Each structure stands twice: as structure tokens, then as C-alpha cells.
């Protein structure tokens, strides 16, 4: 979330100054479109909050930059095999929490 905000702070003024319009695409998550519950350890809570906040940033910047013909959108991918999930810890956690894992499907 901080990285997205920092990037917007640096790039939005450049796009405005160029005067040619443009597009900014922010990566959120499919978690924003479905019901994912907490497991009370803070990890999923922080993830959910950050991904919903990406949508909030998009809305704020889209409203501000529209007059400059700059679109701001989010896209919401689902599970992607990255080191965040493709690791031994996550595999073990998934085996220990099968009910939670099926709530993502």
C-alpha cells in the first residue's frame, strides 16, 4: 500500500504535466469481491485492509485525475503462485486450516 501511494505521488504529477492523458492501473486482489473471514492472527486482516485500501486509492486518484483525461483503475487477480503462497509455511498452514482454505474458493 505504501509503495502504491509513493508511486502515485511520483507519477500522477508527471502525467498531469505532460498534458496527454494516460492510465494508471493498481493491483488489488479478488479478496475485495468476496467474503474472506479473519483467522484472528492479524495476517489476513492486514492483507484484506491493504487490498481494500488499494481500491480506495484508485477511487481518490480517479476522481482527481479525471479532469486531466487520466484513468485510474484496479484489477483484482485471484491466487497467483508467488513466493508469498508457494512456500512450505503456507502449504503446512493450509493443511492445518482446511476449512479456512475452502472459503477462498
PDB file of N, CA and C in Angstrom:
ATOM      1  N   UNK A   1       0.830  -1.190   0.000  1.00  0.00           N
ATOM      2  CA  UNK A   1       0.000   0.000   0.000  1.00  0.00           C
ATOM      3  C   UNK A   1       0.873   1.252   0.000  1.00  0.00           C
ATOM      4  N   UNK A   2       1.903   1.255   0.829  1.00  0.00           N
ATOM      5  CA  UNK A   2       2.811   2.409   0.864  1.00  0.00           C
ATOM      6  C   UNK A   2       3.508   2.580  -0.484  1.00  0.00           C
ATOM      7  N   UNK A   3       3.922   1.470  -1.082  1.00  0.00           N
ATOM      8  CA  UNK A   3       4.567   1.530  -2.386  1.00  0.00           C
ATOM      9  C   UNK A   3       3.645   2.083  -3.456  1.00  0.00           C
ATOM     10  N   UNK A   4       2.389   1.682  -3.421  1.00  0.00           N
ATOM     11  CA  UNK A   4       1.414   2.208  -4.376  1.00  0.00           C
ATOM     12  C   UNK A   4       1.237   3.701  -4.191  1.00  0.00           C
ATOM     13  N   UNK A   5       1.092   4.133  -2.949  1.00  0.00           N
ATOM     14  CA  UNK A   5       0.914   5.563  -2.679  1.00  0.00           C
ATOM     15  C   UNK A   5       2.145   6.358  -3.128  1.00  0.00           C
ATOM     16  N   UNK A   6       3.334   5.851  -2.803  1.00  0.00           N
ATOM     17  CA  UNK A   6       4.560   6.545  -3.224  1.00  0.00           C
ATOM     18  C   UNK A   6       4.641   6.645  -4.744  1.00  0.00           C
ATOM     19  N   UNK A   7       4.281   5.579  -5.428  1.00  0.00           N
ATOM     20  CA  UNK A   7       4.309   5.590  -6.893  1.00  0.00           C
ATOM     21  C   UNK A   7       3.311   6.589  -7.456  1.00  0.00           C
ATOM     22  N   UNK A   8       2.117   6.627  -6.892  1.00  0.00           N
ATOM     23  CA  UNK A   8       1.121   7.609  -7.338  1.00  0.00           C
ATOM     24  C   UNK A   8       1.611   9.035  -7.114  1.00  0.00           C
ATOM     25  N   UNK A   9       2.248   9.274  -5.988  1.00  0.00           N
ATOM     26  CA  UNK A   9       2.760  10.611  -5.686  1.00  0.00           C
ATOM     27  C   UNK A   9       3.792  11.071  -6.710  1.00  0.00           C
ATOM     28  N   UNK A  10       4.585  10.138  -7.212  1.00  0.00           N
ATOM     29  CA  UNK A  10       5.626  10.487  -8.181  1.00  0.00           C
ATOM     30  C   UNK A  10       5.117  10.536  -9.613  1.00  0.00           C
ATOM     31  N   UNK A  11       4.205   9.653  -9.968  1.00  0.00           N
ATOM     32  CA  UNK A  11       3.805   9.544 -11.369  1.00  0.00           C
ATOM     33  C   UNK A  11       2.623  10.429 -11.759  1.00  0.00           C
ATOM     34  N   UNK A  12       1.665  10.617 -10.873  1.00  0.00           N
ATOM     35  CA  UNK A  12       0.489  11.413 -11.229  1.00  0.00           C
ATOM     36  C   UNK A  12       0.870  12.829 -11.674  1.00  0.00           C
ATOM     37  N   UNK A  13       1.743  13.543 -10.954  1.00  0.00           N
ATOM     38  CA  UNK A  13       2.106  14.892 -11.411  1.00  0.00           C
ATOM     39  C   UNK A  13       2.783  14.892 -12.788  1.00  0.00           C
ATOM     40  N   UNK A  14       3.558  13.858 -13.081  1.00  0.00           N
ATOM     41  CA  UNK A  14       4.217  13.777 -14.389  1.00  0.00           C
ATOM     42  C   UNK A  14       3.167  13.620 -15.485  1.00  0.00           C
ATOM     43  N   UNK A  15       2.206  12.740 -15.272  1.00  0.00           N
ATOM     44  CA  UNK A  15       1.146  12.560 -16.265  1.00  0.00           C
ATOM     45  C   UNK A  15       0.348  13.844 -16.462  1.00  0.00           C
ATOM     46  N   UNK A  16       0.042  14.520 -15.382  1.00  0.00           N
ATOM     47  CA  UNK A  16      -0.692  15.786 -15.488  1.00  0.00           C
ATOM     48  C   UNK A  16       0.132  16.803 -16.269  1.00  0.00           C
ATOM     49  N   UNK A  17       1.401  16.954 -15.927  1.00  0.00           N
ATOM     50  CA  UNK A  17       2.272  17.935 -16.593  1.00  0.00           C
ATOM     51  C   UNK A  17       2.441  17.638 -18.080  1.00  0.00           C
ATOM     52  N   UNK A  18       2.440  16.362 -18.458  1.00  0.00           N
ATOM     53  CA  UNK A  18       2.584  16.015 -19.866  1.00  0.00           C
ATOM     54  C   UNK A  18       1.366  16.435 -20.678  1.00  0.00           C
ATOM     55  N   UNK A  19       0.218  16.525 -20.032  1.00  0.00           N
ATOM     56  CA  UNK A  19      -0.990  17.011 -20.693  1.00  0.00           C
ATOM     57  C   UNK A  19      -1.541  16.112 -21.791  1.00  0.00           C
ATOM     58  N   UNK A  20      -1.196  14.846 -21.769  1.00  0.00           N
ATOM     59  CA  UNK A  20      -1.640  13.922 -22.824  1.00  0.00           C
ATOM     60  C   UNK A  20      -2.592  12.851 -22.298  1.00  0.00           C
ATOM     61  N   UNK A  21      -3.054  12.981 -21.080  1.00  0.00           N
ATOM     62  CA  UNK A  21      -3.896  11.953 -20.501  1.00  0.00           C
ATOM     63  C   UNK A  21      -3.067  10.745 -20.134  1.00  0.00           C
ATOM     64  N   UNK A  22      -3.724   9.635 -19.910  1.00  0.00           N
ATOM     65  CA  UNK A  22      -2.996   8.426 -19.584  1.00  0.00           C
ATOM     66  C   UNK A  22      -3.834   7.467 -18.765  1.00  0.00           C
ATOM     67  N   UNK A  23      -3.163   6.480 -18.234  1.00  0.00           N
ATOM     68  CA  UNK A  23      -3.839   5.447 -17.467  1.00  0.00           C
ATOM     69  C   UNK A  23      -2.911   4.934 -16.375  1.00  0.00           C
ATOM     70  N   UNK A  24      -3.467   4.732 -15.216  1.00  0.00           N
ATOM     71  CA  UNK A  24      -2.768   4.132 -14.089  1.00  0.00           C
ATOM     72  C   UNK A  24      -3.559   2.896 -13.685  1.00  0.00           C
ATOM     73  N   UNK A  25      -2.867   1.773 -13.533  1.00  0.00           N
ATOM     74  CA  UNK A  25      -3.514   0.524 -13.127  1.00  0.00           C
ATOM     75  C   UNK A  25      -2.883   0.062 -11.820  1.00  0.00           C
ATOM     76  N   UNK A  26      -3.720  -0.169 -10.825  1.00  0.00           N
ATOM     77  CA  UNK A  26      -3.281  -0.576  -9.495  1.00  0.00           C
ATOM     78  C   UNK A  26      -3.718  -2.024  -9.265  1.00  0.00           C
ATOM     79  N   UNK A  27      -2.811  -2.842  -8.754  1.00  0.00           N
ATOM     80  CA  UNK A  27      -3.143  -4.235  -8.455  1.00  0.00           C
ATOM     81  C   UNK A  27      -3.767  -4.337  -7.070  1.00  0.00           C
ATOM     82  N   UNK A  28      -4.968  -4.867  -7.014  1.00  0.00           N
ATOM     83  CA  UNK A  28      -5.623  -5.149  -5.746  1.00  0.00           C
ATOM     84  C   UNK A  28      -5.684  -6.672  -5.597  1.00  0.00           C
ATOM     85  N   UNK A  29      -6.845  -7.215  -5.300  1.00  0.00           N
ATOM     86  CA  UNK A  29      -6.991  -8.662  -5.127  1.00  0.00           C
ATOM     87  C   UNK A  29      -8.458  -9.032  -5.259  1.00  0.00           C
ATOM     88  N   UNK A  30      -8.700 -10.259  -5.666  1.00  0.00           N
ATOM     89  CA  UNK A  30     -10.085 -10.740  -5.726  1.00  0.00           C
ATOM     90  C   UNK A  30     -10.697 -10.824  -4.335  1.00  0.00           C
ATOM     91  N   UNK A  31      -9.876 -10.714  -3.301  1.00  0.00           N
ATOM     92  CA  UNK A  31     -10.386 -10.735  -1.931  1.00  0.00           C
ATOM     93  C   UNK A  31     -11.380  -9.591  -1.696  1.00  0.00           C
ATOM     94  N   UNK A  32     -11.299  -8.516  -2.476  1.00  0.00           N
ATOM     95  CA  UNK A  32     -12.205  -7.390  -2.280  1.00  0.00           C
ATOM     96  C   UNK A  32     -13.605  -7.658  -2.813  1.00  0.00           C
ATOM     97  N   UNK A  33     -13.776  -8.762  -3.533  1.00  0.00           N
ATOM     98  CA  UNK A  33     -15.081  -9.053  -4.103  1.00  0.00           C
ATOM     99  C   UNK A  33     -15.786 -10.246  -3.499  1.00  0.00           C
ATOM    100  N   UNK A  34     -15.255 -10.761  -2.418  1.00  0.00           N
ATOM    101  CA  UNK A  34     -15.904 -11.915  -1.794  1.00  0.00           C
ATOM    102  C   UNK A  34     -15.676 -11.902  -0.285  1.00  0.00           C
ATOM    103  N   UNK A  35     -16.287 -12.824   0.352  1.00  0.00           N
ATOM    104  CA  UNK A  35     -16.305 -12.880   1.806  1.00  0.00           C
ATOM    105  C   UNK A  35     -15.140 -13.711   2.301  1.00  0.00           C
ATOM    106  N   UNK A  36     -14.123 -13.070   2.858  1.00  0.00           N
ATOM    107  CA  UNK A  36     -12.985 -13.755   3.464  1.00  0.00           C
ATOM    108  C   UNK A  36     -12.974 -13.367   4.941  1.00  0.00           C
ATOM    109  N   UNK A  37     -13.034 -14.340   5.798  1.00  0.00           N
ATOM    110  CA  UNK A  37     -13.131 -14.055   7.229  1.00  0.00           C
ATOM    111  C   UNK A  37     -11.755 -14.024   7.880  1.00  0.00           C
ATOM    112  N   UNK A  38     -11.711 -13.429   9.033  1.00  0.00           N
ATOM    113  CA  UNK A  38     -10.480 -13.356   9.810  1.00  0.00           C
ATOM    114  C   UNK A  38     -10.136 -14.707  10.412  1.00  0.00           C
ATOM    115  N   UNK A  39      -8.847 -14.903  10.671  1.00  0.00           N
ATOM    116  CA  UNK A  39      -8.439 -16.063  11.457  1.00  0.00           C
ATOM    117  C   UNK A  39      -7.847 -15.584  12.785  1.00  0.00           C
ATOM    118  N   UNK A  40      -8.015 -14.305  13.073  1.00  0.00           N
ATOM    119  CA  UNK A  40      -7.648 -13.663  14.333  1.00  0.00           C
ATOM    120  C   UNK A  40      -6.148 -13.571  14.592  1.00  0.00           C
ATOM    121  N   UNK A  41      -5.309 -13.850  13.588  1.00  0.00           N
ATOM    122  CA  UNK A  41      -3.873 -13.701  13.834  1.00  0.00           C
ATOM    123  C   UNK A  41      -3.305 -12.419  13.234  1.00  0.00           C
ATOM    124  N   UNK A  42      -4.145 -11.654  12.553  1.00  0.00           N
ATOM    125  CA  UNK A  42      -3.713 -10.365  12.017  1.00  0.00           C
ATOM    126  C   UNK A  42      -3.222 -10.417  10.588  1.00  0.00           C
ATOM    127  N   UNK A  43      -2.722 -11.550  10.148  1.00  0.00           N
ATOM    128  CA  UNK A  43      -2.165 -11.634   8.803  1.00  0.00           C
ATOM    129  C   UNK A  43      -3.192 -11.382   7.718  1.00  0.00           C
ATOM    130  N   UNK A  44      -4.286 -12.107   7.744  1.00  0.00           N
ATOM    131  CA  UNK A  44      -5.306 -11.933   6.714  1.00  0.00           C
ATOM    132  C   UNK A  44      -6.012 -10.601   6.887  1.00  0.00           C
ATOM    133  N   UNK A  45      -6.112 -10.120   8.131  1.00  0.00           N
ATOM    134  CA  UNK A  45      -6.728  -8.809   8.363  1.00  0.00           C
ATOM    135  C   UNK A  45      -5.931  -7.709   7.668  1.00  0.00           C
ATOM    136  N   UNK A  46      -4.624  -7.752   7.834  1.00  0.00           N
ATOM    137  CA  UNK A  46      -3.772  -6.754   7.193  1.00  0.00           C
ATOM    138  C   UNK A  46      -3.831  -6.851   5.681  1.00  0.00           C
ATOM    139  N   UNK A  47      -3.843  -8.075   5.156  1.00  0.00           N
ATOM    140  CA  UNK A  47      -3.933  -8.282   3.717  1.00  0.00           C
ATOM    141  C   UNK A  47      -5.243  -7.710   3.184  1.00  0.00           C
ATOM    142  N   UNK A  48      -6.359  -8.064   3.823  1.00  0.00           N
ATOM    143  CA  UNK A  48      -7.665  -7.549   3.401  1.00  0.00           C
ATOM    144  C   UNK A  48      -7.692  -6.031   3.434  1.00  0.00           C
ATOM    145  N   UNK A  49      -7.237  -5.455   4.520  1.00  0.00           N
ATOM    146  CA  UNK A  49      -7.263  -3.998   4.652  1.00  0.00           C
ATOM    147  C   UNK A  49      -6.429  -3.324   3.562  1.00  0.00           C
ATOM    148  N   UNK A  50      -5.257  -3.871   3.290  1.00  0.00           N
ATOM    149  CA  UNK A  50      -4.385  -3.285   2.268  1.00  0.00           C
ATOM    150  C   UNK A  50      -5.014  -3.379   0.882  1.00  0.00           C
ATOM    151  N   UNK A  51      -5.653  -4.490   0.566  1.00  0.00           N
ATOM    152  CA  UNK A  51      -6.237  -4.646  -0.766  1.00  0.00           C
ATOM    153  C   UNK A  51      -7.476  -3.777  -0.930  1.00  0.00           C
ATOM    154  N   UNK A  52      -8.268  -3.625   0.113  1.00  0.00           N
ATOM    155  CA  UNK A  52      -9.393  -2.691   0.047  1.00  0.00           C
ATOM    156  C   UNK A  52      -8.882  -1.249  -0.048  1.00  0.00           C
ATOM    157  N   UNK A  53      -7.781  -0.973   0.621  1.00  0.00           N
ATOM    158  CA  UNK A  53      -7.202   0.372   0.557  1.00  0.00           C
ATOM    159  C   UNK A  53      -6.697   0.695  -0.845  1.00  0.00           C
ATOM    160  N   UNK A  54      -6.237  -0.308  -1.595  1.00  0.00           N
ATOM    161  CA  UNK A  54      -5.829  -0.085  -2.985  1.00  0.00           C
ATOM    162  C   UNK A  54      -7.016   0.451  -3.779  1.00  0.00           C
ATOM    163  N   UNK A  55      -8.188  -0.095  -3.542  1.00  0.00           N
ATOM    164  CA  UNK A  55      -9.392   0.374  -4.222  1.00  0.00           C
ATOM    165  C   UNK A  55      -9.715   1.806  -3.790  1.00  0.00           C
ATOM    166  N   UNK A  56      -9.515   2.097  -2.517  1.00  0.00           N
ATOM    167  CA  UNK A  56      -9.730   3.462  -2.031  1.00  0.00           C
ATOM    168  C   UNK A  56      -8.803   4.460  -2.700  1.00  0.00           C
ATOM    169  N   UNK A  57      -7.526   4.098  -2.847  1.00  0.00           N
ATOM    170  CA  UNK A  57      -6.591   4.976  -3.547  1.00  0.00           C
ATOM    171  C   UNK A  57      -7.019   5.172  -4.993  1.00  0.00           C
ATOM    172  N   UNK A  58      -7.434   4.110  -5.638  1.00  0.00           N
ATOM    173  CA  UNK A  58      -7.888   4.213  -7.019  1.00  0.00           C
ATOM    174  C   UNK A  58      -9.033   5.203  -7.136  1.00  0.00           C
ATOM    175  N   UNK A  59     -10.013   5.083  -6.251  1.00  0.00           N
ATOM    176  CA  UNK A  59     -11.159   5.980  -6.291  1.00  0.00           C
ATOM    177  C   UNK A  59     -10.742   7.430  -6.088  1.00  0.00           C
ATOM    178  N   UNK A  60      -9.882   7.660  -5.119  1.00  0.00           N
ATOM    179  CA  UNK A  60      -9.435   9.021  -4.826  1.00  0.00           C
ATOM    180  C   UNK A  60      -8.667   9.631  -5.997  1.00  0.00           C
ATOM    181  N   UNK A  61      -7.763   8.860  -6.586  1.00  0.00           N
ATOM    182  CA  UNK A  61      -6.964   9.384  -7.691  1.00  0.00           C
ATOM    183  C   UNK A  61      -7.762   9.462  -8.983  1.00  0.00           C
ATOM    184  N   UNK A  62      -8.686   8.530  -9.204  1.00  0.00           N
ATOM    185  CA  UNK A  62      -9.532   8.588 -10.397  1.00  0.00           C
ATOM    186  C   UNK A  62     -10.357   9.871 -10.394  1.00  0.00           C
ATOM    187  N   UNK A  63     -10.928  10.189  -9.250  1.00  0.00           N
ATOM    188  CA  UNK A  63     -11.719  11.416  -9.154  1.00  0.00           C
ATOM    189  C   UNK A  63     -10.892  12.666  -9.388  1.00  0.00           C
ATOM    190  N   UNK A  64      -9.695  12.671  -8.883  1.00  0.00           N
ATOM    191  CA  UNK A  64      -8.820  13.844  -9.007  1.00  0.00           C
ATOM    192  C   UNK A  64      -8.225  13.992 -10.405  1.00  0.00           C
ATOM    193  N   UNK A  65      -7.903  12.872 -11.042  1.00  0.00           N
ATOM    194  CA  UNK A  65      -7.183  12.928 -12.317  1.00  0.00           C
ATOM    195  C   UNK A  65      -8.095  12.886 -13.543  1.00  0.00           C
ATOM    196  N   UNK A  66      -9.377  12.638 -13.350  1.00  0.00           N
ATOM    197  CA  UNK A  66     -10.310  12.543 -14.481  1.00  0.00           C
ATOM    198  C   UNK A  66     -10.300  13.806 -15.337  1.00  0.00           C
ATOM    199  N   UNK A  67     -10.221  14.957 -14.710  1.00  0.00           N
ATOM    200  CA  UNK A  67     -10.235  16.219 -15.477  1.00  0.00           C
ATOM    201  C   UNK A  67      -9.009  16.359 -16.377  1.00  0.00           C
ATOM    202  N   UNK A  68      -7.987  15.547 -16.134  1.00  0.00           N
ATOM    203  CA  UNK A  68      -6.777  15.564 -16.953  1.00  0.00           C
ATOM    204  C   UNK A  68      -6.764  14.408 -17.952  1.00  0.00           C
ATOM    205  N   UNK A  69      -7.917  13.745 -18.110  1.00  0.00           N
ATOM    206  CA  UNK A  69      -8.062  12.619 -19.028  1.00  0.00           C
ATOM    207  C   UNK A  69      -7.125  11.462 -18.653  1.00  0.00           C
ATOM    208  N   UNK A  70      -6.974  11.259 -17.351  1.00  0.00           N
ATOM    209  CA  UNK A  70      -6.158  10.163 -16.830  1.00  0.00           C
ATOM    210  C   UNK A  70      -7.087   9.192 -16.113  1.00  0.00           C
ATOM    211  N   UNK A  71      -7.132   7.974 -16.611  1.00  0.00           N
ATOM    212  CA  UNK A  71      -7.937   6.924 -15.974  1.00  0.00           C
ATOM    213  C   UNK A  71      -7.127   6.264 -14.874  1.00  0.00           C
ATOM    214  N   UNK A  72      -7.796   5.890 -13.814  1.00  0.00           N
ATOM    215  CA  UNK A  72      -7.163   5.112 -12.753  1.00  0.00           C
ATOM    216  C   UNK A  72      -8.093   3.938 -12.455  1.00  0.00           C
ATOM    217  N   UNK A  73      -7.556   2.726 -12.574  1.00  0.00           N
ATOM    218  CA  UNK A  73      -8.340   1.519 -12.363  1.00  0.00           C
ATOM    219  C   UNK A  73      -7.579   0.556 -11.463  1.00  0.00           C
ATOM    220  N   UNK A  74      -8.317  -0.398 -10.909  1.00  0.00           N
ATOM    221  CA  UNK A  74      -7.693  -1.515 -10.211  1.00  0.00           C
ATOM    222  C   UNK A  74      -8.028  -2.786 -10.971  1.00  0.00           C
ATOM    223  N   UNK A  75      -7.162  -3.772 -10.850  1.00  0.00           N
ATOM    224  CA  UNK A  75      -7.534  -5.097 -11.310  1.00  0.00           C
ATOM    225  C   UNK A  75      -7.355  -6.042 -10.134  1.00  0.00           C
ATOM    226  N   UNK A  76      -8.095  -7.131 -10.165  1.00  0.00           N
ATOM    227  CA  UNK A  76      -8.261  -7.974  -8.987  1.00  0.00           C
ATOM    228  C   UNK A  76      -7.976  -9.440  -9.303  1.00  0.00           C
ATOM    229  N   UNK A  77      -6.701  -9.798  -9.407  1.00  0.00           N
ATOM    230  CA  UNK A  77      -6.385 -11.199  -9.700  1.00  0.00           C
ATOM    231  C   UNK A  77      -6.691 -12.099  -8.513  1.00  0.00           C
ATOM    232  N   UNK A  78      -6.852 -13.355  -8.821  1.00  0.00           N
ATOM    233  CA  UNK A  78      -7.043 -14.360  -7.786  1.00  0.00           C
ATOM    234  C   UNK A  78      -5.691 -14.987  -7.466  1.00  0.00           C
ATOM    235  N   UNK A  79      -5.672 -16.156  -6.866  1.00  0.00           N
ATOM    236  CA  UNK A  79      -4.427 -16.776  -6.441  1.00  0.00           C
ATOM    237  C   UNK A  79      -3.385 -16.878  -7.546  1.00  0.00           C
ATOM    238  N   UNK A  80      -2.213 -16.410  -7.267  1.00  0.00           N
ATOM    239  CA  UNK A  80      -1.099 -16.454  -8.200  1.00  0.00           C
ATOM    240  C   UNK A  80       0.076 -17.083  -7.468  1.00  0.00           C
ATOM    241  N   UNK A  81       0.752 -18.006  -8.121  1.00  0.00           N
ATOM    242  CA  UNK A  81       1.869 -18.708  -7.492  1.00  0.00           C
ATOM    243  C   UNK A  81       3.080 -17.784  -7.376  1.00  0.00           C
ATOM    244  N   UNK A  82       3.164 -17.117  -6.258  1.00  0.00           N
ATOM    245  CA  UNK A  82       4.312 -16.264  -5.944  1.00  0.00           C
ATOM    246  C   UNK A  82       4.947 -16.802  -4.660  1.00  0.00           C
ATOM    247  N   UNK A  83       6.137 -16.344  -4.321  1.00  0.00           N
ATOM    248  CA  UNK A  83       6.759 -16.809  -3.069  1.00  0.00           C
ATOM    249  C   UNK A  83       5.902 -16.553  -1.825  1.00  0.00           C
ATOM    250  N   UNK A  84       4.952 -15.603  -1.917  1.00  0.00           N
ATOM    251  CA  UNK A  84       4.094 -15.343  -0.761  1.00  0.00           C
ATOM    252  C   UNK A  84       3.247 -16.564  -0.405  1.00  0.00           C
ATOM    253  N   UNK A  85       2.850 -17.357  -1.408  1.00  0.00           N
ATOM    254  CA  UNK A  85       1.999 -18.521  -1.148  1.00  0.00           C
ATOM    255  C   UNK A  85       2.654 -19.838  -1.542  1.00  0.00           C
ATOM    256  N   UNK A  86       3.623 -19.815  -2.414  1.00  0.00           N
ATOM    257  CA  UNK A  86       4.282 -21.047  -2.859  1.00  0.00           C
ATOM    258  C   UNK A  86       5.494 -21.317  -1.976  1.00  0.00           C
ATOM    259  N   UNK A  87       5.213 -21.727  -0.745  1.00  0.00           N
ATOM    260  CA  UNK A  87       6.294 -21.995   0.205  1.00  0.00           C
ATOM    261  C   UNK A  87       5.830 -23.038   1.219  1.00  0.00           C
ATOM    262  N   UNK A  88       6.754 -23.582   1.938  1.00  0.00           N
ATOM    263  CA  UNK A  88       6.457 -24.656   2.888  1.00  0.00           C
ATOM    264  C   UNK A  88       5.520 -24.185   4.006  1.00  0.00           C
ATOM    265  N   UNK A  89       5.731 -22.982   4.522  1.00  0.00           N
ATOM    266  CA  UNK A  89       4.885 -22.478   5.602  1.00  0.00           C
ATOM    267  C   UNK A  89       3.423 -22.433   5.175  1.00  0.00           C
ATOM    268  N   UNK A  90       3.157 -21.852   4.016  1.00  0.00           N
ATOM    269  CA  UNK A  90       1.772 -21.709   3.568  1.00  0.00           C
ATOM    270  C   UNK A  90       1.135 -23.077   3.293  1.00  0.00           C
ATOM    271  N   UNK A  91       1.910 -24.008   2.730  1.00  0.00           N
ATOM    272  CA  UNK A  91       1.383 -25.346   2.480  1.00  0.00           C
ATOM    273  C   UNK A  91       0.981 -26.023   3.793  1.00  0.00           C
ATOM    274  N   UNK A  92       1.836 -25.918   4.795  1.00  0.00           N
ATOM    275  CA  UNK A  92       1.537 -26.504   6.105  1.00  0.00           C
ATOM    276  C   UNK A  92       0.333 -25.825   6.733  1.00  0.00           C
ATOM    277  N   UNK A  93       0.294 -24.507   6.663  1.00  0.00           N
ATOM    278  CA  UNK A  93      -0.828 -23.751   7.220  1.00  0.00           C
ATOM    279  C   UNK A  93      -2.128 -24.172   6.553  1.00  0.00           C
ATOM    280  N   UNK A  94      -2.116 -24.347   5.222  1.00  0.00           N
ATOM    281  CA  UNK A  94      -3.309 -24.767   4.503  1.00  0.00           C
ATOM    282  C   UNK A  94      -3.787 -26.144   4.925  1.00  0.00           C
ATOM    283  N   UNK A  95      -2.852 -27.052   5.170  1.00  0.00           N
ATOM    284  CA  UNK A  95      -3.217 -28.390   5.631  1.00  0.00           C
ATOM    285  C   UNK A  95      -3.827 -28.345   7.029  1.00  0.00           C
ATOM    286  N   UNK A  96      -3.334 -27.432   7.853  1.00  0.00           N
ATOM    287  CA  UNK A  96      -3.834 -27.313   9.227  1.00  0.00           C
ATOM    288  C   UNK A  96      -5.136 -26.529   9.312  1.00  0.00           C
ATOM    289  N   UNK A  97      -5.508 -25.822   8.254  1.00  0.00           N
ATOM    290  CA  UNK A  97      -6.708 -24.980   8.245  1.00  0.00           C
ATOM    291  C   UNK A  97      -7.558 -25.246   7.003  1.00  0.00           C
ATOM    292  N   UNK A  98      -7.989 -26.488   6.792  1.00  0.00           N
ATOM    293  CA  UNK A  98      -8.702 -26.807   5.546  1.00  0.00           C
ATOM    294  C   UNK A  98     -10.020 -26.056   5.387  1.00  0.00           C
ATOM    295  N   UNK A  99     -10.736 -25.814   6.479  1.00  0.00           N
ATOM    296  CA  UNK A  99     -11.999 -25.084   6.367  1.00  0.00           C
ATOM    297  C   UNK A  99     -11.768 -23.650   5.907  1.00  0.00           C
ATOM    298  N   UNK A 100     -10.725 -23.054   6.413  1.00  0.00           N
ATOM    299  CA  UNK A 100     -10.417 -21.676   6.022  1.00  0.00           C
ATOM    300  C   UNK A 100     -10.025 -21.619   4.551  1.00  0.00           C
ATOM    301  N   UNK A 101      -9.231 -22.574   4.109  1.00  0.00           N
ATOM    302  CA  UNK A 101      -8.756 -22.568   2.724  1.00  0.00           C
ATOM    303  C   UNK A 101      -9.923 -22.702   1.742  1.00  0.00           C
ATOM    304  N   UNK A 102     -10.953 -23.475   2.067  1.00  0.00           N
ATOM    305  CA  UNK A 102     -12.062 -23.629   1.147  1.00  0.00           C
ATOM    306  C   UNK A 102     -12.917 -22.378   1.071  1.00  0.00           C
ATOM    307  N   UNK A 103     -12.813 -21.459   2.038  1.00  0.00           N
ATOM    308  CA  UNK A 103     -13.601 -20.226   1.976  1.00  0.00           C
ATOM    309  C   UNK A 103     -13.079 -19.298   0.874  1.00  0.00           C
ATOM    310  N   UNK A 104     -11.880 -19.563   0.369  1.00  0.00           N
ATOM    311  CA  UNK A 104     -11.308 -18.744  -0.714  1.00  0.00           C
ATOM    312  C   UNK A 104     -11.829 -19.167  -2.074  1.00  0.00           C
ATOM    313  N   UNK A 105     -12.403 -20.363  -2.166  1.00  0.00           N
ATOM    314  CA  UNK A 105     -12.813 -20.898  -3.459  1.00  0.00           C
ATOM    315  C   UNK A 105     -14.139 -20.353  -3.902  1.00  0.00           C
TER     316      UNK A 105
END
